[in-house]
């Protein structure tokens, strides 16, 4: 997957198109990411024990990783990260537009 936890992304399609957010978690098996403040759903919670509070809570739901694109911290443009192998053998992600290390 081209998106990892703590990346800043922009949504490409859907009702939240154009919004930016920080990735809170990634699910590579499902191909989805959980983004802060994006794809928010309301859930009705019923109190289960004495003293619990019920009500309507809002929580983020996962969105497909193909609908988001990472924002480069240097050039502030949406880009799909490329991979480069350094001389010491370490693998790093780079911006395809400005060639900066992410």
N, C-alpha and C. Protein backbone atom coordinates (compact mmCIF):
# COMPACT_ATOMS: atom_id res chain seq x y z
N UNK A 1 0.84 -1.18 0.00
CA UNK A 1 0.00 0.00 0.00
C UNK A 1 0.88 1.24 0.00
N UNK A 2 0.44 2.28 -0.68
CA UNK A 2 1.24 3.49 -0.79
C UNK A 2 0.97 4.49 0.33
N UNK A 3 0.05 4.18 1.23
CA UNK A 3 -0.29 5.06 2.35
C UNK A 3 0.07 4.35 3.64
N UNK A 4 0.68 5.09 4.57
CA UNK A 4 1.04 4.53 5.87
C UNK A 4 0.47 5.41 6.98
N UNK A 5 0.52 4.93 8.21
CA UNK A 5 0.05 5.68 9.36
C UNK A 5 0.85 6.97 9.52
N UNK A 6 0.20 8.04 9.90
CA UNK A 6 0.75 9.38 10.12
C UNK A 6 1.05 10.15 8.84
N UNK A 7 0.68 9.63 7.67
CA UNK A 7 0.80 10.39 6.43
C UNK A 7 -0.33 11.42 6.36
N UNK A 8 -0.06 12.56 5.73
CA UNK A 8 -1.10 13.55 5.47
C UNK A 8 -1.59 13.31 4.05
N UNK A 9 -2.92 13.17 3.90
CA UNK A 9 -3.48 12.80 2.60
C UNK A 9 -4.56 13.79 2.17
N UNK A 10 -4.95 13.71 0.90
CA UNK A 10 -6.08 14.44 0.35
C UNK A 10 -7.00 13.42 -0.30
N UNK A 11 -8.32 13.63 -0.16
CA UNK A 11 -9.30 12.70 -0.71
C UNK A 11 -9.56 13.08 -2.17
N UNK A 12 -9.51 12.09 -3.07
CA UNK A 12 -9.66 12.32 -4.50
C UNK A 12 -11.09 12.24 -5.00
N UNK A 13 -11.93 11.40 -4.37
CA UNK A 13 -13.30 11.24 -4.84
C UNK A 13 -14.21 10.93 -3.66
N UNK A 14 -15.50 11.12 -3.90
CA UNK A 14 -16.49 10.85 -2.86
C UNK A 14 -17.02 12.12 -2.26
N UNK A 15 -17.79 11.99 -1.21
CA UNK A 15 -18.43 13.16 -0.61
C UNK A 15 -17.45 14.06 0.13
N UNK A 16 -16.29 13.53 0.50
CA UNK A 16 -15.26 14.32 1.19
C UNK A 16 -14.15 14.77 0.24
N UNK A 17 -14.43 14.83 -1.05
CA UNK A 17 -13.43 15.18 -2.05
C UNK A 17 -12.78 16.53 -1.74
N UNK A 18 -11.44 16.56 -1.77
CA UNK A 18 -10.70 17.78 -1.53
C UNK A 18 -10.28 17.99 -0.08
N UNK A 19 -10.85 17.24 0.84
CA UNK A 19 -10.51 17.39 2.25
C UNK A 19 -9.17 16.74 2.55
N UNK A 20 -8.46 17.31 3.52
CA UNK A 20 -7.18 16.77 3.93
C UNK A 20 -7.29 16.22 5.35
N UNK A 21 -6.47 15.24 5.65
CA UNK A 21 -6.48 14.66 6.99
C UNK A 21 -5.25 13.79 7.21
N UNK A 22 -5.08 13.41 8.47
CA UNK A 22 -3.95 12.58 8.88
C UNK A 22 -4.43 11.14 9.03
N UNK A 23 -3.65 10.19 8.53
CA UNK A 23 -4.00 8.78 8.58
C UNK A 23 -3.78 8.26 10.00
N UNK A 24 -4.84 7.72 10.61
CA UNK A 24 -4.76 7.18 11.96
C UNK A 24 -4.41 5.69 11.95
N UNK A 25 -4.74 5.02 10.85
CA UNK A 25 -4.43 3.60 10.77
C UNK A 25 -4.60 3.10 9.35
N UNK A 26 -3.89 2.04 9.01
CA UNK A 26 -3.97 1.45 7.68
C UNK A 26 -4.29 -0.03 7.79
N UNK A 27 -5.13 -0.52 6.88
CA UNK A 27 -5.49 -1.93 6.83
C UNK A 27 -5.11 -2.48 5.46
N UNK A 28 -3.85 -2.90 5.28
CA UNK A 28 -3.40 -3.36 3.96
C UNK A 28 -4.17 -4.57 3.43
N UNK A 29 -4.64 -5.43 4.32
CA UNK A 29 -5.38 -6.62 3.90
C UNK A 29 -6.67 -6.24 3.17
N UNK A 30 -7.34 -5.19 3.68
CA UNK A 30 -8.59 -4.73 3.08
C UNK A 30 -8.37 -3.61 2.07
N UNK A 31 -7.16 -3.03 2.06
CA UNK A 31 -6.89 -1.92 1.15
C UNK A 31 -7.56 -0.63 1.58
N UNK A 32 -7.72 -0.45 2.89
CA UNK A 32 -8.41 0.72 3.42
C UNK A 32 -7.54 1.47 4.42
N UNK A 33 -7.85 2.76 4.61
CA UNK A 33 -7.17 3.58 5.60
C UNK A 33 -8.22 4.31 6.44
N UNK A 34 -7.86 4.62 7.68
CA UNK A 34 -8.72 5.35 8.59
C UNK A 34 -8.13 6.75 8.74
N UNK A 35 -8.89 7.77 8.32
CA UNK A 35 -8.38 9.14 8.26
C UNK A 35 -9.15 10.01 9.25
N UNK A 36 -8.41 10.85 9.96
CA UNK A 36 -8.99 11.73 10.97
C UNK A 36 -9.90 12.77 10.31
N UNK A 37 -11.18 12.76 10.68
CA UNK A 37 -12.14 13.75 10.20
C UNK A 37 -12.71 13.48 8.82
N UNK A 38 -12.40 12.34 8.23
CA UNK A 38 -12.88 11.99 6.89
C UNK A 38 -13.80 10.77 6.99
N UNK A 39 -14.87 10.76 6.18
CA UNK A 39 -15.82 9.65 6.13
C UNK A 39 -16.41 9.38 7.51
N UNK A 40 -16.94 10.43 8.12
CA UNK A 40 -17.49 10.36 9.47
C UNK A 40 -18.93 9.83 9.41
N UNK A 41 -19.24 8.87 10.27
CA UNK A 41 -20.57 8.28 10.34
C UNK A 41 -21.12 8.46 11.75
N UNK A 42 -22.44 8.58 11.85
CA UNK A 42 -23.09 8.68 13.15
C UNK A 42 -23.64 7.32 13.54
N UNK A 43 -23.41 6.94 14.78
CA UNK A 43 -23.89 5.67 15.29
C UNK A 43 -24.74 5.93 16.54
N UNK A 44 -25.84 5.19 16.65
CA UNK A 44 -26.69 5.30 17.82
C UNK A 44 -26.23 4.28 18.84
N UNK A 45 -25.87 4.76 20.04
CA UNK A 45 -25.35 3.88 21.08
C UNK A 45 -26.39 3.75 22.18
N UNK A 46 -26.64 2.50 22.53
CA UNK A 46 -27.60 2.21 23.58
C UNK A 46 -26.85 1.98 24.87
N UNK A 47 -27.32 2.55 25.98
CA UNK A 47 -26.63 2.29 27.26
C UNK A 47 -26.79 0.82 27.65
N UNK A 48 -25.68 0.18 28.01
CA UNK A 48 -25.69 -1.24 28.32
C UNK A 48 -25.75 -1.53 29.82
N UNK A 49 -25.13 -0.67 30.64
CA UNK A 49 -25.12 -0.88 32.09
C UNK A 49 -25.73 0.34 32.77
N UNK A 50 -26.02 0.18 34.04
CA UNK A 50 -26.52 1.30 34.82
C UNK A 50 -25.43 2.37 34.91
N UNK A 51 -25.74 3.58 34.57
CA UNK A 51 -24.76 4.66 34.61
C UNK A 51 -24.14 4.96 33.26
N UNK A 52 -24.24 4.05 32.30
CA UNK A 52 -23.74 4.31 30.95
C UNK A 52 -24.62 5.35 30.27
N UNK A 53 -23.99 6.11 29.38
CA UNK A 53 -24.75 7.10 28.63
C UNK A 53 -24.98 6.61 27.22
N UNK A 54 -26.17 6.77 26.75
CA UNK A 54 -26.49 6.45 25.37
C UNK A 54 -26.49 7.73 24.56
N UNK A 55 -26.75 7.61 23.28
CA UNK A 55 -26.83 8.80 22.44
C UNK A 55 -26.25 8.54 21.07
N UNK A 56 -26.07 9.62 20.33
CA UNK A 56 -25.54 9.53 18.99
C UNK A 56 -24.07 9.92 19.03
N UNK A 57 -23.20 9.00 18.59
CA UNK A 57 -21.77 9.28 18.57
C UNK A 57 -21.30 9.33 17.11
N UNK A 58 -20.26 10.12 16.87
CA UNK A 58 -19.69 10.20 15.53
C UNK A 58 -18.32 9.53 15.54
N UNK A 59 -18.05 8.74 14.50
CA UNK A 59 -16.76 8.08 14.41
C UNK A 59 -16.36 7.95 12.94
N UNK A 60 -15.04 7.93 12.73
CA UNK A 60 -14.51 7.79 11.38
C UNK A 60 -14.62 6.34 10.94
N UNK A 61 -14.94 6.15 9.68
CA UNK A 61 -14.99 4.82 9.11
C UNK A 61 -13.92 4.71 8.02
N UNK A 62 -13.43 3.51 7.75
CA UNK A 62 -12.35 3.36 6.76
C UNK A 62 -12.77 3.77 5.35
N UNK A 63 -11.80 4.23 4.57
CA UNK A 63 -12.01 4.63 3.18
C UNK A 63 -10.96 3.89 2.34
N UNK A 64 -11.31 3.57 1.11
CA UNK A 64 -10.38 2.85 0.25
C UNK A 64 -9.13 3.68 -0.01
N UNK A 65 -7.98 3.03 0.03
CA UNK A 65 -6.70 3.71 -0.17
C UNK A 65 -6.55 4.25 -1.58
N UNK A 66 -7.27 3.69 -2.54
CA UNK A 66 -7.19 4.17 -3.91
C UNK A 66 -7.88 5.52 -4.09
N UNK A 67 -8.68 5.93 -3.11
CA UNK A 67 -9.39 7.21 -3.19
C UNK A 67 -8.63 8.34 -2.53
N UNK A 68 -7.45 8.06 -1.99
CA UNK A 68 -6.66 9.10 -1.32
C UNK A 68 -5.26 9.16 -1.93
N UNK A 69 -4.62 10.32 -1.79
CA UNK A 69 -3.27 10.49 -2.27
C UNK A 69 -2.47 11.27 -1.24
N UNK A 70 -1.23 10.86 -1.05
CA UNK A 70 -0.35 11.47 -0.06
C UNK A 70 0.06 12.86 -0.49
N UNK A 71 0.21 13.77 0.49
CA UNK A 71 0.68 15.13 0.23
C UNK A 71 2.14 15.21 0.64
N UNK A 72 2.97 15.70 -0.29
CA UNK A 72 4.40 15.83 -0.02
C UNK A 72 4.61 16.95 0.99
N UNK A 73 5.40 16.72 2.06
CA UNK A 73 5.62 17.77 3.06
C UNK A 73 6.47 18.92 2.53
N UNK A 74 7.26 18.69 1.48
CA UNK A 74 8.13 19.74 0.97
C UNK A 74 7.42 20.63 -0.05
N UNK A 75 6.81 20.03 -1.08
CA UNK A 75 6.18 20.83 -2.15
C UNK A 75 4.68 21.01 -1.94
N UNK A 76 4.09 20.36 -0.95
CA UNK A 76 2.66 20.46 -0.60
C UNK A 76 1.74 20.10 -1.76
N UNK A 77 2.16 19.18 -2.62
CA UNK A 77 1.34 18.72 -3.73
C UNK A 77 0.99 17.25 -3.53
N UNK A 78 -0.21 16.84 -3.97
CA UNK A 78 -0.54 15.41 -3.88
C UNK A 78 0.35 14.60 -4.81
N UNK A 79 0.90 13.53 -4.31
CA UNK A 79 1.77 12.68 -5.11
C UNK A 79 1.69 11.24 -4.62
N UNK A 80 1.85 10.33 -5.56
CA UNK A 80 1.95 8.92 -5.17
C UNK A 80 3.43 8.64 -4.95
N UNK A 81 3.82 8.20 -3.78
CA UNK A 81 5.24 8.02 -3.47
C UNK A 81 5.91 6.95 -4.34
N UNK A 82 7.13 7.23 -4.74
CA UNK A 82 7.97 6.25 -5.43
C UNK A 82 8.95 5.69 -4.40
N UNK A 83 9.60 4.61 -4.73
CA UNK A 83 10.55 3.99 -3.81
C UNK A 83 11.94 4.03 -4.41
N UNK A 84 12.91 4.26 -3.55
CA UNK A 84 14.31 4.29 -3.97
C UNK A 84 15.12 3.51 -2.95
N UNK A 85 16.10 2.77 -3.42
CA UNK A 85 16.99 2.03 -2.54
C UNK A 85 18.30 2.79 -2.45
N UNK A 86 18.68 3.18 -1.24
CA UNK A 86 19.91 3.92 -1.01
C UNK A 86 21.13 3.01 -1.15
N UNK A 87 22.31 3.63 -1.10
CA UNK A 87 23.56 2.87 -1.22
C UNK A 87 23.74 1.87 -0.07
N UNK A 88 23.23 2.23 1.12
CA UNK A 88 23.39 1.34 2.27
C UNK A 88 22.34 0.23 2.29
N UNK A 89 21.45 0.20 1.28
CA UNK A 89 20.46 -0.87 1.19
C UNK A 89 19.11 -0.54 1.79
N UNK A 90 18.96 0.66 2.39
CA UNK A 90 17.68 1.02 2.99
C UNK A 90 16.72 1.52 1.90
N UNK A 91 15.44 1.21 2.09
CA UNK A 91 14.42 1.59 1.13
C UNK A 91 13.68 2.82 1.65
N UNK A 92 13.59 3.87 0.84
CA UNK A 92 12.92 5.10 1.26
C UNK A 92 11.87 5.49 0.23
N UNK A 93 10.87 6.26 0.69
CA UNK A 93 9.85 6.77 -0.22
C UNK A 93 10.27 8.18 -0.66
N UNK A 94 10.02 8.49 -1.93
CA UNK A 94 10.36 9.82 -2.44
C UNK A 94 9.14 10.40 -3.17
N UNK A 95 9.10 11.72 -3.27
CA UNK A 95 8.06 12.43 -4.00
C UNK A 95 8.41 12.39 -5.48
N UNK A 96 7.44 12.02 -6.32
CA UNK A 96 7.70 11.96 -7.76
C UNK A 96 7.79 13.35 -8.39
N UNK A 97 7.22 14.37 -7.71
CA UNK A 97 7.20 15.70 -8.30
C UNK A 97 8.44 16.53 -7.97
N UNK A 98 8.87 16.49 -6.70
CA UNK A 98 10.01 17.32 -6.30
C UNK A 98 11.24 16.49 -5.94
N UNK A 99 11.15 15.16 -6.00
CA UNK A 99 12.24 14.24 -5.73
C UNK A 99 12.78 14.35 -4.28
N UNK A 100 11.93 14.80 -3.36
CA UNK A 100 12.32 14.91 -1.95
C UNK A 100 12.03 13.60 -1.24
N UNK A 101 12.83 13.30 -0.23
CA UNK A 101 12.63 12.10 0.56
C UNK A 101 11.48 12.33 1.53
N UNK A 102 10.59 11.34 1.60
CA UNK A 102 9.41 11.48 2.46
C UNK A 102 9.69 10.78 3.77
